[in-house]
Amino acid sequence: MELSKLFIALFIFQVLFPCQISIQAAPANSNLFREYIGAEFNNVKFADVPINSDVEFHFILSFAIDYDNSDSPSPTNGKFNVFWDSDNLSPSQVSSIKNSNSNVKVALSLGGDSVGNGYAYFNPSSIDSWVSNAVSSLTSIIQEYNLDGIDIDYEHFQADPDTFAECIGRLITTLKKNGVISFASIAPFDDDDVQSHYKALWKSYGDIIDYVNFQFYAYDQGTTVSQFINYFNIQSVNYNGGKVLVSFISDGSGGLSPQNGFFTACNRLKSQNKLHGIFVWSADDSMRNDFRYEKQSQALLAISH
């Protein structure tokens, strides 16, 4: 009798006070295609790139860097300037490509490998000052260009991982809170120093990062399909719960190339419900082959999941 009363009491408690359990669904297949553009100043335009209407398409302008525009660029502690081909990828051209294609969004990427004749370092004077400067300068650029998101692609560091995590995490948080951006991504690759910084960022702020543009093309040229799948699984653990996108480099200089099995790997991941999207570095190089593999990537992504 007492036991039945206990069950009744527990039932009533559950009805009156249901548990608020938040369960994060595992990432699934997606039709997201992303392409970096503008770093090499070879006159590529948004309109040159084929856009499949059945995918979600992100252009990523490369790059905005917190260095000055002098002949010998110096760090500016979060005061960002445009370093992409803004003559061919201007605010009016952003508006035009978005108005012509309802499935297109445009982001900018921060950092990159180099600036001028040297590396582009993440080099803040302090967390608070860097974040303040970055929020202000990037808000101006994003609003001028009518952009939708940011990508983090710092590859060289003169700050420890925790400082990087706080600066970037606070930046993304503030830009999202202010309604300046609707998505954010990171672009790590398999290097100990790079991974230590991005994994620290993921640990503290992974819940506000929408996509992981992992640079699988930074692995050795001649990567096999099975190696590629293994690398993908490793990075999916490193960025647990994240939408890790697969990638190739247009010039074939690294990783698993489209000619050697990239799309085989994509189909295998898709069959496992793990193809969260594809990104390409870069439109600038893909002009040479008439964007052949961009077309193939989007066709694969557009097929019903």
C-alpha atoms as a PDB file:
ATOM      1  CA  MET A   1       0.000   0.000   0.000  1.00  0.00           C
ATOM      2  CA  GLU A   2       2.744   2.432   0.978  1.00  0.00           C
ATOM      3  CA  LEU A   3       4.658   1.504  -2.191  1.00  0.00           C
ATOM      4  CA  SER A   4       1.665   2.263  -4.406  1.00  0.00           C
ATOM      5  CA  LYS A   5       1.251   5.643  -2.706  1.00  0.00           C
ATOM      6  CA  LEU A   6       4.899   6.375  -3.435  1.00  0.00           C
ATOM      7  CA  PHE A   7       4.450   5.578  -7.143  1.00  0.00           C
ATOM      8  CA  ILE A   8       1.355   7.786  -7.287  1.00  0.00           C
ATOM      9  CA  ALA A   9       3.236  10.617  -5.597  1.00  0.00           C
ATOM     10  CA  LEU A  10       6.141  10.284  -8.022  1.00  0.00           C
ATOM     11  CA  PHE A  11       3.753  10.275 -10.996  1.00  0.00           C
ATOM     12  CA  ILE A  12       2.021  13.442  -9.786  1.00  0.00           C
ATOM     13  CA  PHE A  13       5.411  15.107  -9.206  1.00  0.00           C
ATOM     14  CA  GLN A  14       6.509  14.316 -12.767  1.00  0.00           C
ATOM     15  CA  VAL A  15       3.283  15.706 -14.199  1.00  0.00           C
ATOM     16  CA  LEU A  16       3.514  18.904 -12.187  1.00  0.00           C
ATOM     17  CA  PHE A  17       7.280  19.366 -12.509  1.00  0.00           C
ATOM     18  CA  PRO A  18       8.465  17.797 -15.760  1.00  0.00           C
ATOM     19  CA  CYS A  19      12.215  17.496 -16.067  1.00  0.00           C
ATOM     20  CA  GLN A  20      13.732  20.050 -18.401  1.00  0.00           C
ATOM     21  CA  ILE A  21      16.261  17.864 -20.140  1.00  0.00           C
ATOM     22  CA  SER A  22      18.084  19.371 -23.105  1.00  0.00           C
ATOM     23  CA  ILE A  23      19.329  16.755 -25.525  1.00  0.00           C
ATOM     24  CA  GLN A  24      21.606  17.917 -28.328  1.00  0.00           C
ATOM     25  CA  ALA A  25      20.851  16.042 -31.512  1.00  0.00           C
ATOM     26  CA  ALA A  26      23.821  14.629 -33.366  1.00  0.00           C
ATOM     27  CA  PRO A  27      24.637  16.553 -36.559  1.00  0.00           C
ATOM     28  CA  ALA A  28      23.125  14.973 -39.664  1.00  0.00           C
ATOM     29  CA  ASN A  29      23.544  15.238 -43.431  1.00  0.00           C
ATOM     30  CA  SER A  30      23.257  18.766 -44.783  1.00  0.00           C
ATOM     31  CA  ASN A  31      23.126  20.478 -48.174  1.00  0.00           C
ATOM     32  CA  LEU A  32      25.565  23.212 -47.094  1.00  0.00           C
ATOM     33  CA  PHE A  33      28.240  24.258 -49.595  1.00  0.00           C
ATOM     34  CA  ARG A  34      30.836  26.906 -48.710  1.00  0.00           C
ATOM     35  CA  GLU A  35      33.568  28.539 -50.803  1.00  0.00           C
ATOM     36  CA  TYR A  36      36.409  30.874 -49.867  1.00  0.00           C
ATOM     37  CA  ILE A  37      36.906  33.707 -52.337  1.00  0.00           C
ATOM     38  CA  GLY A  38      39.017  36.789 -52.948  1.00  0.00           C
ATOM     39  CA  ALA A  39      42.401  36.082 -51.346  1.00  0.00           C
ATOM     40  CA  GLU A  40      44.431  35.791 -54.533  1.00  0.00           C
ATOM     41  CA  PHE A  41      43.320  38.929 -56.396  1.00  0.00           C
ATOM     42  CA  ASN A  42      42.786  37.178 -59.728  1.00  0.00           C
ATOM     43  CA  ASN A  43      39.553  39.050 -60.523  1.00  0.00           C
ATOM     44  CA  VAL A  44      37.157  36.255 -59.557  1.00  0.00           C
ATOM     45  CA  LYS A  45      33.617  37.508 -58.962  1.00  0.00           C
ATOM     46  CA  PHE A  46      30.648  36.004 -57.129  1.00  0.00           C
ATOM     47  CA  ALA A  47      28.768  35.716 -60.418  1.00  0.00           C
ATOM     48  CA  ASP A  48      31.543  33.542 -61.895  1.00  0.00           C
ATOM     49  CA  VAL A  49      30.821  30.738 -59.431  1.00  0.00           C
ATOM     50  CA  PRO A  50      28.011  28.294 -60.318  1.00  0.00           C
ATOM     51  CA  ILE A  51      25.285  28.214 -57.657  1.00  0.00           C
ATOM     52  CA  ASN A  52      22.911  25.267 -57.385  1.00  0.00           C
ATOM     53  CA  SER A  53      19.520  26.481 -56.162  1.00  0.00           C
ATOM     54  CA  ASP A  54      19.022  23.260 -54.177  1.00  0.00           C
ATOM     55  CA  VAL A  55      21.900  23.854 -51.741  1.00  0.00           C
ATOM     56  CA  GLU A  56      22.578  26.339 -48.976  1.00  0.00           C
ATOM     57  CA  PHE A  57      25.501  28.360 -50.344  1.00  0.00           C
ATOM     58  CA  HIS A  58      27.994  30.432 -48.336  1.00  0.00           C
ATOM     59  CA  PHE A  59      30.675  32.601 -49.904  1.00  0.00           C
ATOM     60  CA  ILE A  60      33.496  33.373 -47.441  1.00  0.00           C
ATOM     61  CA  LEU A  61      35.478  36.537 -48.188  1.00  0.00           C
ATOM     62  CA  SER A  62      39.186  36.059 -47.510  1.00  0.00           C
ATOM     63  CA  PHE A  63      40.374  37.869 -45.455  1.00  0.00           C
ATOM     64  CA  ALA A  64      39.724  40.560 -42.882  1.00  0.00           C
ATOM     65  CA  ILE A  65      42.884  40.967 -40.795  1.00  0.00           C
ATOM     66  CA  ASP A  66      43.686  43.102 -37.765  1.00  0.00           C
ATOM     67  CA  TYR A  67      46.774  44.588 -39.401  1.00  0.00           C
ATOM     68  CA  ASP A  68      47.222  48.003 -40.985  1.00  0.00           C
ATOM     69  CA  ASN A  69      47.356  48.558 -44.739  1.00  0.00           C
ATOM     70  CA  SER A  70      50.932  49.847 -44.896  1.00  0.00           C
ATOM     71  CA  ASP A  71      53.641  48.425 -47.158  1.00  0.00           C
ATOM     72  CA  SER A  72      54.923  46.542 -44.120  1.00  0.00           C
ATOM     73  CA  PRO A  73      51.689  45.661 -42.256  1.00  0.00           C
ATOM     74  CA  SER A  74      51.679  45.718 -38.445  1.00  0.00           C
ATOM     75  CA  PRO A  75      49.168  44.285 -35.932  1.00  0.00           C
ATOM     76  CA  THR A  76      46.376  46.637 -34.843  1.00  0.00           C
ATOM     77  CA  ASN A  77      44.995  44.794 -31.784  1.00  0.00           C
ATOM     78  CA  GLY A  78      41.587  43.921 -33.181  1.00  0.00           C
ATOM     79  CA  LYS A  79      41.088  46.838 -35.581  1.00  0.00           C
ATOM     80  CA  PHE A  80      40.248  44.890 -38.733  1.00  0.00           C
ATOM     81  CA  ASN A  81      40.795  45.954 -42.318  1.00  0.00           C
ATOM     82  CA  VAL A  82      39.674  44.401 -45.597  1.00  0.00           C
ATOM     83  CA  PHE A  83      42.396  42.374 -47.334  1.00  0.00           C
ATOM     84  CA  TRP A  84      40.301  40.622 -49.991  1.00  0.00           C
ATOM     85  CA  ASP A  85      39.826  41.747 -53.604  1.00  0.00           C
ATOM     86  CA  SER A  86      37.292  44.441 -52.762  1.00  0.00           C
ATOM     87  CA  ASP A  87      37.322  45.865 -56.301  1.00  0.00           C
ATOM     88  CA  ASN A  88      35.693  42.690 -57.614  1.00  0.00           C
ATOM     89  CA  LEU A  89      33.964  41.670 -54.365  1.00  0.00           C
ATOM     90  CA  SER A  90      32.422  44.949 -53.261  1.00  0.00           C
ATOM     91  CA  PRO A  91      29.366  45.757 -51.119  1.00  0.00           C
ATOM     92  CA  SER A  92      27.224  46.252 -54.221  1.00  0.00           C
ATOM     93  CA  GLN A  93      28.328  42.886 -55.601  1.00  0.00           C
ATOM     94  CA  VAL A  94      27.461  41.199 -52.295  1.00  0.00           C
ATOM     95  CA  SER A  95      23.969  42.693 -52.481  1.00  0.00           C
ATOM     96  CA  SER A  96      23.609  41.685 -56.121  1.00  0.00           C
ATOM     97  CA  ILE A  97      24.521  38.011 -55.638  1.00  0.00           C
ATOM     98  CA  LYS A  98      22.264  37.728 -52.578  1.00  0.00           C
ATOM     99  CA  ASN A  99      19.351  39.430 -54.331  1.00  0.00           C
ATOM    100  CA  SER A 100      19.746  37.109 -57.318  1.00  0.00           C
ATOM    101  CA  ASN A 101      20.035  33.933 -55.231  1.00  0.00           C
ATOM    102  CA  SER A 102      17.839  33.507 -52.167  1.00  0.00           C
ATOM    103  CA  ASN A 103      19.947  30.541 -50.990  1.00  0.00           C
ATOM    104  CA  VAL A 104      23.200  32.555 -50.826  1.00  0.00           C
ATOM    105  CA  LYS A 105      24.763  34.060 -47.715  1.00  0.00           C
ATOM    106  CA  VAL A 106      28.121  35.806 -47.482  1.00  0.00           C
ATOM    107  CA  ALA A 107      30.593  35.744 -44.602  1.00  0.00           C
ATOM    108  CA  LEU A 108      34.084  37.070 -43.988  1.00  0.00           C
ATOM    109  CA  SER A 109      37.040  35.112 -42.661  1.00  0.00           C
ATOM    110  CA  LEU A 110      39.446  36.466 -40.061  1.00  0.00           C
ATOM    111  CA  GLY A 111      43.197  35.983 -40.157  1.00  0.00           C
ATOM    112  CA  GLY A 112      44.464  33.571 -42.765  1.00  0.00           C
ATOM    113  CA  ASP A 113      48.030  32.432 -43.218  1.00  0.00           C
ATOM    114  CA  SER A 114      49.818  35.610 -44.239  1.00  0.00           C
ATOM    115  CA  VAL A 115      49.695  39.366 -44.646  1.00  0.00           C
ATOM    116  CA  GLY A 116      52.176  41.289 -46.772  1.00  0.00           C
ATOM    117  CA  ASN A 117      55.358  39.229 -46.787  1.00  0.00           C
ATOM    118  CA  GLY A 118      54.886  37.672 -43.350  1.00  0.00           C
ATOM    119  CA  TYR A 119      52.558  35.555 -41.260  1.00  0.00           C
ATOM    120  CA  ALA A 120      49.270  36.979 -39.983  1.00  0.00           C
ATOM    121  CA  TYR A 121      49.561  36.542 -36.217  1.00  0.00           C
ATOM    122  CA  PHE A 122      46.838  36.593 -33.614  1.00  0.00           C
ATOM    123  CA  ASN A 123      48.506  39.164 -31.370  1.00  0.00           C
ATOM    124  CA  PRO A 124      46.179  40.909 -28.871  1.00  0.00           C
ATOM    125  CA  SER A 125      47.419  43.514 -26.400  1.00  0.00           C
ATOM    126  CA  SER A 126      44.761  42.404 -23.921  1.00  0.00           C
ATOM    127  CA  ILE A 127      41.510  40.463 -24.081  1.00  0.00           C
ATOM    128  CA  ASP A 128      39.237  43.409 -23.293  1.00  0.00           C
ATOM    129  CA  SER A 129      40.886  45.862 -25.689  1.00  0.00           C
ATOM    130  CA  TRP A 130      41.068  43.333 -28.541  1.00  0.00           C
ATOM    131  CA  VAL A 131      37.408  42.346 -28.180  1.00  0.00           C
ATOM    132  CA  SER A 132      36.277  45.975 -28.005  1.00  0.00           C
ATOM    133  CA  ASN A 133      38.245  46.917 -31.125  1.00  0.00           C
ATOM    134  CA  ALA A 134      37.209  43.771 -33.003  1.00  0.00           C
ATOM    135  CA  VAL A 135      33.502  44.188 -32.273  1.00  0.00           C
ATOM    136  CA  SER A 136      33.590  47.813 -33.411  1.00  0.00           C
ATOM    137  CA  SER A 137      35.668  47.372 -36.572  1.00  0.00           C
ATOM    138  CA  LEU A 138      33.999  44.149 -37.717  1.00  0.00           C
ATOM    139  CA  THR A 139      30.502  45.502 -37.109  1.00  0.00           C
ATOM    140  CA  SER A 140      31.339  48.375 -39.464  1.00  0.00           C
ATOM    141  CA  ILE A 141      32.695  46.068 -42.186  1.00  0.00           C
ATOM    142  CA  ILE A 142      29.882  43.516 -41.847  1.00  0.00           C
ATOM    143  CA  GLN A 143      27.192  46.182 -42.051  1.00  0.00           C
ATOM    144  CA  GLU A 144      28.890  47.994 -44.947  1.00  0.00           C
ATOM    145  CA  TYR A 145      29.084  44.753 -46.941  1.00  0.00           C
ATOM    146  CA  ASN A 146      25.709  43.364 -45.784  1.00  0.00           C
ATOM    147  CA  LEU A 147      27.337  40.147 -44.541  1.00  0.00           C
ATOM    148  CA  ASP A 148      25.759  37.297 -42.602  1.00  0.00           C
ATOM    149  CA  GLY A 149      28.514  35.579 -40.639  1.00  0.00           C
ATOM    150  CA  ILE A 150      32.177  35.218 -39.757  1.00  0.00           C
ATOM    151  CA  ASP A 151      34.773  32.482 -40.048  1.00  0.00           C
ATOM    152  CA  ILE A 152      37.847  32.226 -37.811  1.00  0.00           C
ATOM    153  CA  ASP A 153      40.994  31.218 -39.697  1.00  0.00           C
ATOM    154  CA  TYR A 154      43.920  32.419 -37.595  1.00  0.00           C
ATOM    155  CA  GLU A 155      46.833  30.038 -38.193  1.00  0.00           C
ATOM    156  CA  HIS A 156      49.697  31.710 -36.288  1.00  0.00           C
ATOM    157  CA  PHE A 157      49.617  32.829 -32.678  1.00  0.00           C
ATOM    158  CA  GLN A 158      51.432  35.147 -30.314  1.00  0.00           C
ATOM    159  CA  ALA A 159      48.964  34.459 -27.515  1.00  0.00           C
ATOM    160  CA  ASP A 160      48.169  31.367 -25.467  1.00  0.00           C
ATOM    161  CA  PRO A 161      45.135  29.153 -26.216  1.00  0.00           C
ATOM    162  CA  ASP A 162      43.026  30.482 -23.332  1.00  0.00           C
ATOM    163  CA  THR A 163      43.498  34.088 -24.466  1.00  0.00           C
ATOM    164  CA  PHE A 164      42.556  33.111 -28.023  1.00  0.00           C
ATOM    165  CA  ALA A 165      39.475  31.286 -26.743  1.00  0.00           C
ATOM    166  CA  GLU A 166      38.292  34.253 -24.679  1.00  0.00           C
ATOM    167  CA  CYS A 167      38.901  36.832 -27.408  1.00  0.00           C
ATOM    168  CA  ILE A 168      37.210  34.871 -30.184  1.00  0.00           C
ATOM    169  CA  GLY A 169      34.471  33.485 -27.955  1.00  0.00           C
ATOM    170  CA  ARG A 170      33.511  36.924 -26.657  1.00  0.00           C
ATOM    171  CA  LEU A 171      33.668  38.366 -30.179  1.00  0.00           C
ATOM    172  CA  ILE A 172      31.267  35.779 -31.610  1.00  0.00           C
ATOM    173  CA  THR A 173      28.977  36.031 -28.578  1.00  0.00           C
ATOM    174  CA  THR A 174      28.741  39.815 -28.854  1.00  0.00           C
ATOM    175  CA  LEU A 175      28.226  39.907 -32.627  1.00  0.00           C
ATOM    176  CA  LYS A 176      25.447  37.323 -32.361  1.00  0.00           C
ATOM    177  CA  LYS A 177      23.827  39.046 -29.374  1.00  0.00           C
ATOM    178  CA  ASN A 178      23.875  42.358 -31.257  1.00  0.00           C
ATOM    179  CA  GLY A 179      22.260  40.751 -34.314  1.00  0.00           C
ATOM    180  CA  VAL A 180      25.279  41.578 -36.493  1.00  0.00           C
ATOM    181  CA  ILE A 181      25.853  37.947 -37.580  1.00  0.00           C
ATOM    182  CA  SER A 182      23.668  34.851 -37.713  1.00  0.00           C
ATOM    183  CA  PHE A 183      26.396  32.188 -37.886  1.00  0.00           C
ATOM    184  CA  ALA A 184      30.058  31.592 -37.099  1.00  0.00           C
ATOM    185  CA  SER A 185      32.592  28.963 -38.123  1.00  0.00           C
ATOM    186  CA  ILE A 186      36.169  28.008 -37.322  1.00  0.00           C
ATOM    187  CA  ALA A 187      38.814  26.675 -39.725  1.00  0.00           C
ATOM    188  CA  PRO A 188      41.432  24.604 -37.879  1.00  0.00           C
ATOM    189  CA  PHE A 189      43.823  22.038 -39.330  1.00  0.00           C
ATOM    190  CA  ASP A 190      45.985  19.218 -38.024  1.00  0.00           C
ATOM    191  CA  ASP A 191      48.864  21.096 -36.408  1.00  0.00           C
ATOM    192  CA  ASP A 192      49.620  20.871 -32.688  1.00  0.00           C
ATOM    193  CA  ASP A 193      49.760  24.623 -32.050  1.00  0.00           C
ATOM    194  CA  VAL A 194      46.711  25.348 -34.199  1.00  0.00           C
ATOM    195  CA  GLN A 195      44.695  22.548 -32.606  1.00  0.00           C
ATOM    196  CA  SER A 196      45.579  23.605 -29.061  1.00  0.00           C
ATOM    197  CA  HIS A 197      44.105  27.052 -29.726  1.00  0.00           C
ATOM    198  CA  TYR A 198      40.956  25.913 -31.519  1.00  0.00           C
ATOM    199  CA  LYS A 199      40.241  23.069 -29.097  1.00  0.00           C
ATOM    200  CA  ALA A 200      40.460  25.550 -26.208  1.00  0.00           C
ATOM    201  CA  LEU A 201      37.977  27.763 -28.065  1.00  0.00           C
ATOM    202  CA  TRP A 202      35.705  24.786 -28.721  1.00  0.00           C
ATOM    203  CA  LYS A 203      35.836  23.667 -25.093  1.00  0.00           C
ATOM    204  CA  SER A 204      34.672  27.060 -23.810  1.00  0.00           C
ATOM    205  CA  TYR A 205      32.496  28.310 -26.667  1.00  0.00           C
ATOM    206  CA  GLY A 206      31.622  25.338 -28.885  1.00  0.00           C
ATOM    207  CA  ASP A 207      27.914  25.917 -28.347  1.00  0.00           C
ATOM    208  CA  ILE A 208      28.010  29.215 -30.291  1.00  0.00           C
ATOM    209  CA  ILE A 209      30.096  27.890 -33.220  1.00  0.00           C
ATOM    210  CA  ASP A 210      27.866  26.680 -36.044  1.00  0.00           C
ATOM    211  CA  TYR A 211      30.350  24.988 -38.381  1.00  0.00           C
ATOM    212  CA  VAL A 212      33.856  23.531 -38.288  1.00  0.00           C
ATOM    213  CA  ASN A 213      35.575  24.133 -41.641  1.00  0.00           C
ATOM    214  CA  PHE A 214      38.300  21.595 -41.003  1.00  0.00           C
ATOM    215  CA  GLN A 215      41.135  21.973 -43.512  1.00  0.00           C
ATOM    216  CA  PHE A 216      41.428  18.331 -44.554  1.00  0.00           C
ATOM    217  CA  TYR A 217      43.548  19.468 -47.516  1.00  0.00           C
ATOM    218  CA  ALA A 218      46.336  20.303 -45.043  1.00  0.00           C
ATOM    219  CA  TYR A 219      46.959  16.563 -44.737  1.00  0.00           C
ATOM    220  CA  ASP A 220      49.490  15.042 -47.127  1.00  0.00           C
ATOM    221  CA  GLN A 221      48.841  15.019 -50.836  1.00  0.00           C
ATOM    222  CA  GLY A 222      47.831  11.512 -51.815  1.00  0.00           C
ATOM    223  CA  THR A 223      45.557  10.941 -48.819  1.00  0.00           C
ATOM    224  CA  THR A 224      43.435   7.827 -49.459  1.00  0.00           C
ATOM    225  CA  VAL A 225      39.687   7.469 -48.970  1.00  0.00           C
ATOM    226  CA  SER A 226      40.120   5.288 -45.873  1.00  0.00           C
ATOM    227  CA  GLN A 227      42.659   7.720 -44.388  1.00  0.00           C
ATOM    228  CA  PHE A 228      40.304  10.613 -45.088  1.00  0.00           C
ATOM    229  CA  ILE A 229      37.416   8.871 -43.314  1.00  0.00           C
ATOM    230  CA  ASN A 230      39.705   8.162 -40.365  1.00  0.00           C
ATOM    231  CA  TYR A 231      40.817  11.806 -40.219  1.00  0.00           C
ATOM    232  CA  PHE A 232      37.179  12.889 -40.317  1.00  0.00           C
ATOM    233  CA  ASN A 233      36.285  10.618 -37.410  1.00  0.00           C
ATOM    234  CA  ILE A 234      39.250  11.879 -35.365  1.00  0.00           C
ATOM    235  CA  GLN A 235      38.300  15.525 -35.883  1.00  0.00           C
ATOM    236  CA  SER A 236      34.646  14.781 -35.144  1.00  0.00           C
ATOM    237  CA  VAL A 237      35.830  13.620 -31.715  1.00  0.00           C
ATOM    238  CA  ASN A 238      38.060  16.684 -31.262  1.00  0.00           C
ATOM    239  CA  TYR A 239      35.099  18.947 -32.084  1.00  0.00           C
ATOM    240  CA  ASN A 240      32.491  16.730 -30.482  1.00  0.00           C
ATOM    241  CA  GLY A 241      28.924  17.647 -31.383  1.00  0.00           C
ATOM    242  CA  GLY A 242      30.078  20.055 -34.089  1.00  0.00           C
ATOM    243  CA  LYS A 243      29.141  20.128 -37.754  1.00  0.00           C
ATOM    244  CA  VAL A 244      32.524  19.178 -39.201  1.00  0.00           C
ATOM    245  CA  LEU A 245      32.567  19.935 -42.929  1.00  0.00           C
ATOM    246  CA  VAL A 246      34.749  18.041 -45.403  1.00  0.00           C
ATOM    247  CA  SER A 247      36.984  19.929 -47.808  1.00  0.00           C
ATOM    248  CA  PHE A 248      39.344  19.916 -50.761  1.00  0.00           C
ATOM    249  CA  ILE A 249      41.786  22.415 -52.247  1.00  0.00           C
ATOM    250  CA  SER A 250      41.253  23.415 -55.869  1.00  0.00           C
ATOM    251  CA  ASP A 251      44.885  23.136 -56.942  1.00  0.00           C
ATOM    252  CA  GLY A 252      45.180  19.561 -55.635  1.00  0.00           C
ATOM    253  CA  SER A 253      48.243  20.386 -53.528  1.00  0.00           C
ATOM    254  CA  GLY A 254      47.114  18.474 -50.441  1.00  0.00           C
ATOM    255  CA  GLY A 255      44.643  16.060 -48.915  1.00  0.00           C
ATOM    256  CA  LEU A 256      42.212  13.853 -50.830  1.00  0.00           C
ATOM    257  CA  SER A 257      41.551  15.362 -54.249  1.00  0.00           C
ATOM    258  CA  PRO A 258      38.336  15.083 -56.285  1.00  0.00           C
ATOM    259  CA  GLN A 259      40.277  13.097 -58.886  1.00  0.00           C
ATOM    260  CA  ASN A 260      41.422  10.537 -56.313  1.00  0.00           C
ATOM    261  CA  GLY A 261      38.304   9.738 -54.322  1.00  0.00           C
ATOM    262  CA  PHE A 262      37.010  12.820 -52.493  1.00  0.00           C
ATOM    263  CA  PHE A 263      33.466  12.226 -53.701  1.00  0.00           C
ATOM    264  CA  THR A 264      33.711   8.530 -52.858  1.00  0.00           C
ATOM    265  CA  ALA A 265      34.508   9.572 -49.288  1.00  0.00           C
ATOM    266  CA  CYS A 266      31.610  12.058 -49.325  1.00  0.00           C
ATOM    267  CA  ASN A 267      29.158   9.388 -50.442  1.00  0.00           C
ATOM    268  CA  ARG A 268      30.409   7.041 -47.744  1.00  0.00           C
ATOM    269  CA  LEU A 269      29.933   9.712 -45.076  1.00  0.00           C
ATOM    270  CA  LYS A 270      26.518  10.558 -46.487  1.00  0.00           C
ATOM    271  CA  SER A 271      25.459   6.915 -46.190  1.00  0.00           C
ATOM    272  CA  GLN A 272      26.414   7.159 -42.500  1.00  0.00           C
ATOM    273  CA  ASN A 273      24.463  10.425 -42.064  1.00  0.00           C
ATOM    274  CA  LYS A 274      27.725  12.301 -41.412  1.00  0.00           C
ATOM    275  CA  LEU A 275      28.054  14.596 -44.438  1.00  0.00           C
ATOM    276  CA  HIS A 276      27.478  17.944 -42.735  1.00  0.00           C
ATOM    277  CA  GLY A 277      28.578  19.950 -45.768  1.00  0.00           C
ATOM    278  CA  ILE A 278      31.469  20.606 -48.158  1.00  0.00           C
ATOM    279  CA  PHE A 279      33.762  23.599 -48.454  1.00  0.00           C
ATOM    280  CA  VAL A 280      36.419  24.512 -51.001  1.00  0.00           C
ATOM    281  CA  TRP A 281      39.618  26.524 -50.971  1.00  0.00           C
ATOM    282  CA  SER A 282      39.184  28.390 -53.238  1.00  0.00           C
ATOM    283  CA  ALA A 283      37.114  30.013 -55.976  1.00  0.00           C
ATOM    284  CA  ASP A 284      40.217  31.936 -57.042  1.00  0.00           C
ATOM    285  CA  ASP A 285      41.955  28.705 -58.076  1.00  0.00           C
ATOM    286  CA  SER A 286      38.826  26.933 -59.325  1.00  0.00           C
ATOM    287  CA  MET A 287      38.400  29.450 -62.141  1.00  0.00           C
ATOM    288  CA  ARG A 288      41.075  27.510 -64.019  1.00  0.00           C
ATOM    289  CA  ASN A 289      38.918  24.384 -64.324  1.00  0.00           C
ATOM    290  CA  ASP A 290      35.597  26.194 -64.793  1.00  0.00           C
ATOM    291  CA  PHE A 291      34.481  25.274 -61.260  1.00  0.00           C
ATOM    292  CA  ARG A 292      34.076  21.647 -62.289  1.00  0.00           C
ATOM    293  CA  TYR A 293      34.275  20.256 -58.777  1.00  0.00           C
ATOM    294  CA  GLU A 294      32.099  22.973 -57.250  1.00  0.00           C
ATOM    295  CA  LYS A 295      29.358  21.814 -59.610  1.00  0.00           C
ATOM    296  CA  GLN A 296      29.920  18.172 -58.653  1.00  0.00           C
ATOM    297  CA  SER A 297      29.984  18.980 -54.921  1.00  0.00           C
ATOM    298  CA  GLN A 298      26.709  20.857 -55.065  1.00  0.00           C
ATOM    299  CA  ALA A 299      25.041  18.184 -57.177  1.00  0.00           C
ATOM    300  CA  LEU A 300      25.954  15.589 -54.548  1.00  0.00           C
ATOM    301  CA  LEU A 301      24.699  17.779 -51.699  1.00  0.00           C
ATOM    302  CA  ALA A 302      21.461  18.596 -53.524  1.00  0.00           C
ATOM    303  CA  ILE A 303      20.425  14.943 -53.740  1.00  0.00           C
ATOM    304  CA  SER A 304      17.737  14.252 -51.161  1.00  0.00           C
ATOM    305  CA  HIS A 305      19.097  13.013 -47.862  1.00  0.00           C
END
